[in-house]
């Protein structure tokens, strides 16, 4: 066998290895997602619809999602992309500075004078 054939077989074996590994990883993630899909869980669909899972019919592959109180939507079970888990909210809110004059002002020019001072270059009538 020539070296080129050996390299090509090696690359093919490597591609097959990664294909099986990714397939196994994706299958494990789907199983974990299915365990989290219980009524009452906050879910998001593939097309960006958020809601609370009300019912999951595994026989017909239908999920019922409550998008707002009293409003339900029936979707195919495979469109459920992920479960939204509660994230801790940070209590440290950025405080506004006490002296806003030190900060740069938007939509103002350095040539604009404050209202109490006359503008430069213009003569005031006395």
Protein backbone atom coordinates (compact mmCIF):
# COMPACT_ATOMS: atom_id res chain seq x y z
CA UNK A 1 0.00 0.00 0.00
CA UNK A 2 1.21 3.41 -0.81
CA UNK A 3 1.32 6.19 1.85
CA UNK A 4 -1.49 8.20 0.25
CA UNK A 5 -3.94 5.31 0.61
CA UNK A 6 -2.97 4.84 4.25
CA UNK A 7 -3.51 8.55 4.96
CA UNK A 8 -6.89 8.51 3.19
CA UNK A 9 -8.00 5.46 5.21
CA UNK A 10 -6.84 7.17 8.40
CA UNK A 11 -8.81 10.32 7.60
CA UNK A 12 -11.89 8.21 6.77
CA UNK A 13 -11.58 6.34 10.08
CA UNK A 14 -11.24 9.66 11.92
CA UNK A 15 -14.37 11.06 10.25
CA UNK A 16 -16.36 7.94 11.12
CA UNK A 17 -15.16 8.17 14.74
CA UNK A 18 -16.30 11.81 15.06
CA UNK A 19 -19.60 11.02 13.36
CA UNK A 20 -20.44 8.31 15.91
CA UNK A 21 -19.24 10.46 18.79
CA UNK A 22 -21.43 13.44 17.76
CA UNK A 23 -24.40 11.14 17.21
CA UNK A 24 -24.04 9.65 20.68
CA UNK A 25 -23.64 13.11 22.23
CA UNK A 26 -26.75 14.46 20.45
CA UNK A 27 -28.76 11.43 21.53
CA UNK A 28 -27.71 11.93 25.16
CA UNK A 29 -28.71 15.62 25.03
CA UNK A 30 -32.13 14.70 23.61
CA UNK A 31 -32.69 12.17 26.40
CA UNK A 32 -31.78 14.79 28.99
CA UNK A 33 -34.15 17.28 27.35
CA UNK A 34 -36.98 14.73 27.37
CA UNK A 35 -36.45 14.17 31.10
CA UNK A 36 -36.84 17.92 31.71
CA UNK A 37 -40.04 18.10 29.62
CA UNK A 38 -42.66 17.79 32.34
CA UNK A 39 -45.95 19.69 32.68
CA UNK A 40 -45.31 23.04 34.35
CA UNK A 41 -41.85 23.55 32.80
CA UNK A 42 -41.07 26.78 30.94
CA UNK A 43 -40.19 25.84 27.35
CA UNK A 44 -39.11 27.48 24.10
CA UNK A 45 -39.94 26.14 20.66
CA UNK A 46 -37.67 26.10 17.60
CA UNK A 47 -39.50 29.13 16.21
CA UNK A 48 -39.10 31.23 19.38
CA UNK A 49 -42.44 30.73 21.12
CA UNK A 50 -42.14 30.80 24.91
CA UNK A 51 -44.69 29.26 27.24
CA UNK A 52 -45.48 26.79 29.99
CA UNK A 53 -45.85 23.13 29.06
CA UNK A 54 -49.36 22.04 29.99
CA UNK A 55 -49.66 18.59 28.43
CA UNK A 56 -47.39 16.20 26.57
CA UNK A 57 -49.06 13.52 24.44
CA UNK A 58 -46.30 11.06 23.55
CA UNK A 59 -48.60 8.79 21.56
CA UNK A 60 -49.57 11.53 19.07
CA UNK A 61 -46.34 13.58 19.47
CA UNK A 62 -48.30 16.69 20.47
CA UNK A 63 -47.41 19.19 23.15
CA UNK A 64 -49.80 21.79 24.54
CA UNK A 65 -48.18 25.06 25.59
CA UNK A 66 -49.83 27.88 27.50
CA UNK A 67 -48.41 31.09 26.07
CA UNK A 68 -50.50 33.44 28.23
CA UNK A 69 -53.19 32.79 30.84
CA UNK A 70 -56.06 31.07 29.06
CA UNK A 71 -54.29 30.87 25.69
CA UNK A 72 -52.91 27.48 24.65
CA UNK A 73 -51.08 26.34 21.53
CA UNK A 74 -50.70 22.79 20.25
CA UNK A 75 -47.34 22.06 18.60
CA UNK A 76 -45.46 18.98 17.48
CA UNK A 77 -43.34 17.58 20.28
CA UNK A 78 -40.12 17.85 18.25
CA UNK A 79 -40.47 21.62 17.99
CA UNK A 80 -39.72 21.96 21.71
CA UNK A 81 -36.15 23.20 21.57
CA UNK A 82 -35.23 23.71 25.21
CA UNK A 83 -36.40 24.06 28.77
CA UNK A 84 -35.94 27.52 30.25
CA UNK A 85 -34.37 27.17 33.67
CA UNK A 86 -34.61 29.89 36.26
CA UNK A 87 -31.39 31.85 36.45
CA UNK A 88 -30.50 33.75 39.60
CA UNK A 89 -31.05 37.46 39.16
CA UNK A 90 -28.17 39.69 40.23
CA UNK A 91 -29.10 42.23 42.88
CA UNK A 92 -26.25 44.59 42.10
CA UNK A 93 -27.79 47.23 39.86
CA UNK A 94 -25.49 49.85 38.41
CA UNK A 95 -26.03 53.05 40.31
CA UNK A 96 -26.35 56.28 38.39
CA UNK A 97 -23.69 58.87 39.14
CA UNK A 98 -24.70 61.73 41.40
CA UNK A 99 -23.11 64.38 39.17
CA UNK A 100 -24.30 63.96 35.59
CA UNK A 101 -22.38 67.07 34.47
CA UNK A 102 -19.11 65.12 34.50
CA UNK A 103 -20.35 62.62 31.93
CA UNK A 104 -20.39 63.28 28.20
CA UNK A 105 -23.71 64.49 26.83
CA UNK A 106 -25.21 62.99 23.73
CA UNK A 107 -26.27 65.15 20.80
CA UNK A 108 -24.42 68.20 22.08
CA UNK A 109 -21.40 69.92 20.70
CA UNK A 110 -18.55 71.49 22.57
CA UNK A 111 -19.42 74.67 20.69
CA UNK A 112 -22.89 74.75 22.19
CA UNK A 113 -22.93 77.00 25.20
CA UNK A 114 -25.16 76.50 28.20
CA UNK A 115 -28.27 78.69 28.31
CA UNK A 116 -26.86 80.97 31.04
CA UNK A 117 -23.72 81.89 29.05
CA UNK A 118 -23.67 83.76 25.74
CA UNK A 119 -22.28 81.87 22.76
CA UNK A 120 -18.77 82.63 21.60
CA UNK A 121 -18.32 84.68 18.48
CA UNK A 122 -21.60 86.54 18.76
CA UNK A 123 -21.73 90.02 20.13
CA UNK A 124 -24.31 90.79 22.71
CA UNK A 125 -26.22 94.03 22.35
CA UNK A 126 -25.86 96.40 25.29
